[in-house]
Amino acid sequence: MSKTHVIRWKSKINGRAGRGTKHFALGEAETLVQELNQEYPNIHHELLDSDVLNEAESESSADKEQEDAESSNENEKKQTSYQTHAFSE
C-alpha cells in the first residue's frame, strides 16, 4: 500500500492550521488521526490524500499564474494609456 496521505490540523482555540509533511498509508493515517483527536481534543486532525492535494495545488498554481499574467497585461495597458494621455496634453 502506498503512503499517499498526510494529516491536516486546525486549532479549535485560535484557528491556527497546518499540514504535516510525513506521508502515511491510509490505515495507518486513519488510526493516527483518531489517536491525535482523542489525545488533543482542542485540535481537529483530518486526512488528506496528497495525490488529490497535489493535483489541486497544481491547478491552483496554474490559475494563479494566469491571473498574474492577466493582471500584468492590465497594468501595462493602464501605464501605456497614462503615458499617451500625459504626452497629449
C-alpha atoms as a PDB file:
ATOM      1  CA  MET A   1       0.000   0.000   0.000  1.00  0.00           C
ATOM      2  CA  SER A   2       1.414   3.393  -0.951  1.00  0.00           C
ATOM      3  CA  LYS A   3       1.875   6.201   1.501  1.00  0.00           C
ATOM      4  CA  THR A   4      -0.212   8.958  -0.036  1.00  0.00           C
ATOM      5  CA  HIS A   5      -1.962  10.516   2.960  1.00  0.00           C
ATOM      6  CA  VAL A   6      -0.925  13.456   5.114  1.00  0.00           C
ATOM      7  CA  ILE A   7      -2.576  14.899   8.201  1.00  0.00           C
ATOM      8  CA  ARG A   8      -4.048  18.387   8.311  1.00  0.00           C
ATOM      9  CA  TRP A   9      -4.827  20.001  11.651  1.00  0.00           C
ATOM     10  CA  LYS A  10      -6.600  23.095  12.938  1.00  0.00           C
ATOM     11  CA  SER A  11      -6.739  24.543  16.440  1.00  0.00           C
ATOM     12  CA  LYS A  12     -10.256  24.947  17.824  1.00  0.00           C
ATOM     13  CA  ILE A  13      -8.917  27.647  20.155  1.00  0.00           C
ATOM     14  CA  ASN A  14      -7.019  30.124  17.989  1.00  0.00           C
ATOM     15  CA  GLY A  15      -7.734  28.929  14.437  1.00  0.00           C
ATOM     16  CA  ARG A  16      -4.118  28.169  13.548  1.00  0.00           C
ATOM     17  CA  ALA A  17      -3.830  25.426  10.989  1.00  0.00           C
ATOM     18  CA  GLY A  18      -1.183  23.372   9.292  1.00  0.00           C
ATOM     19  CA  ARG A  19      -0.414  20.272   7.330  1.00  0.00           C
ATOM     20  CA  GLY A  20       2.063  17.548   8.137  1.00  0.00           C
ATOM     21  CA  THR A  21       4.842  16.618   5.764  1.00  0.00           C
ATOM     22  CA  LYS A  22       5.073  12.916   6.597  1.00  0.00           C
ATOM     23  CA  HIS A  23       3.146  10.561   4.312  1.00  0.00           C
ATOM     24  CA  PHE A  24       1.189   7.602   5.673  1.00  0.00           C
ATOM     25  CA  ALA A  25      -0.670   4.609   4.301  1.00  0.00           C
ATOM     26  CA  LEU A  26      -4.454   5.016   4.611  1.00  0.00           C
ATOM     27  CA  GLY A  27      -4.969   2.621   7.537  1.00  0.00           C
ATOM     28  CA  GLU A  28      -2.008   3.995   9.469  1.00  0.00           C
ATOM     29  CA  ALA A  29      -3.198   7.570   8.912  1.00  0.00           C
ATOM     30  CA  GLU A  30      -6.770   6.801   9.983  1.00  0.00           C
ATOM     31  CA  THR A  31      -5.549   5.270  13.238  1.00  0.00           C
ATOM     32  CA  LEU A  32      -3.202   8.162  13.928  1.00  0.00           C
ATOM     33  CA  VAL A  33      -5.901  10.771  13.266  1.00  0.00           C
ATOM     34  CA  GLN A  34      -8.223   9.044  15.749  1.00  0.00           C
ATOM     35  CA  GLU A  35      -5.459   8.910  18.370  1.00  0.00           C
ATOM     36  CA  LEU A  36      -4.489  12.553  17.848  1.00  0.00           C
ATOM     37  CA  ASN A  37      -8.093  13.759  18.055  1.00  0.00           C
ATOM     38  CA  GLN A  38      -8.539  11.861  21.340  1.00  0.00           C
ATOM     39  CA  GLU A  39      -5.219  12.988  22.822  1.00  0.00           C
ATOM     40  CA  TYR A  40      -5.557  16.623  21.680  1.00  0.00           C
ATOM     41  CA  PRO A  41      -9.283  17.492  21.779  1.00  0.00           C
ATOM     42  CA  ASN A  42      -8.659  21.205  21.097  1.00  0.00           C
ATOM     43  CA  ILE A  43      -7.058  20.397  17.757  1.00  0.00           C
ATOM     44  CA  HIS A  44      -9.007  18.847  14.891  1.00  0.00           C
ATOM     45  CA  HIS A  45      -6.996  16.416  12.745  1.00  0.00           C
ATOM     46  CA  GLU A  46      -8.069  15.013   9.391  1.00  0.00           C
ATOM     47  CA  LEU A  47      -6.682  13.056   6.447  1.00  0.00           C
ATOM     48  CA  LEU A  48      -5.744  14.482   3.112  1.00  0.00           C
ATOM     49  CA  ASP A  49      -4.877  12.399   0.073  1.00  0.00           C
ATOM     50  CA  SER A  50      -1.649  14.026  -1.062  1.00  0.00           C
ATOM     51  CA  ASP A  51      -2.204  12.897  -4.681  1.00  0.00           C
ATOM     52  CA  VAL A  52      -5.510  14.772  -4.826  1.00  0.00           C
ATOM     53  CA  LEU A  53      -3.952  17.676  -2.930  1.00  0.00           C
ATOM     54  CA  ASN A  54      -1.030  17.897  -5.364  1.00  0.00           C
ATOM     55  CA  GLU A  55      -3.426  17.973  -8.331  1.00  0.00           C
ATOM     56  CA  ALA A  56      -5.471  20.738  -6.704  1.00  0.00           C
ATOM     57  CA  GLU A  57      -2.341  22.740  -5.892  1.00  0.00           C
ATOM     58  CA  SER A  58      -1.110  22.357  -9.475  1.00  0.00           C
ATOM     59  CA  GLU A  59      -4.426  23.620 -10.817  1.00  0.00           C
ATOM     60  CA  SER A  60      -4.405  26.449  -8.298  1.00  0.00           C
ATOM     61  CA  SER A  61      -0.849  27.362  -9.261  1.00  0.00           C
ATOM     62  CA  ALA A  62      -1.777  27.420 -12.949  1.00  0.00           C
ATOM     63  CA  ASP A  63      -4.804  29.604 -12.181  1.00  0.00           C
ATOM     64  CA  LYS A  64      -2.601  31.971 -10.157  1.00  0.00           C
ATOM     65  CA  GLU A  65      -0.070  32.224 -12.991  1.00  0.00           C
ATOM     66  CA  GLN A  66      -2.872  33.066 -15.426  1.00  0.00           C
ATOM     67  CA  GLU A  67      -4.295  35.700 -13.043  1.00  0.00           C
ATOM     68  CA  ASP A  68      -0.821  37.216 -12.624  1.00  0.00           C
ATOM     69  CA  ALA A  69      -0.344  37.377 -16.406  1.00  0.00           C
ATOM     70  CA  GLU A  70      -3.748  38.993 -16.885  1.00  0.00           C
ATOM     71  CA  SER A  71      -3.035  41.495 -14.110  1.00  0.00           C
ATOM     72  CA  SER A  72       0.336  42.316 -15.649  1.00  0.00           C
ATOM     73  CA  ASN A  73      -1.309  42.911 -19.040  1.00  0.00           C
ATOM     74  CA  GLU A  74      -3.896  45.225 -17.447  1.00  0.00           C
ATOM     75  CA  ASN A  75      -1.150  47.185 -15.679  1.00  0.00           C
ATOM     76  CA  GLU A  76       0.763  47.571 -18.955  1.00  0.00           C
ATOM     77  CA  LYS A  77      -2.373  48.826 -20.704  1.00  0.00           C
ATOM     78  CA  LYS A  78      -3.031  51.358 -17.932  1.00  0.00           C
ATOM     79  CA  GLN A  79       0.562  52.539 -17.989  1.00  0.00           C
ATOM     80  CA  THR A  80       0.537  52.913 -21.800  1.00  0.00           C
ATOM     81  CA  SER A  81      -2.779  54.745 -21.621  1.00  0.00           C
ATOM     82  CA  TYR A  82      -1.402  57.091 -18.958  1.00  0.00           C
ATOM     83  CA  GLN A  83       1.752  57.768 -20.975  1.00  0.00           C
ATOM     84  CA  THR A  84      -0.280  58.512 -24.104  1.00  0.00           C
ATOM     85  CA  HIS A  85      -2.564  60.836 -22.131  1.00  0.00           C
ATOM     86  CA  ALA A  86       0.346  62.598 -20.446  1.00  0.00           C
ATOM     87  CA  PHE A  87       2.065  63.354 -23.769  1.00  0.00           C
ATOM     88  CA  SER A  88      -1.076  64.562 -25.499  1.00  0.00           C
ATOM     89  CA  GLU A  89      -1.648  67.431 -23.049  1.00  0.00           C
END
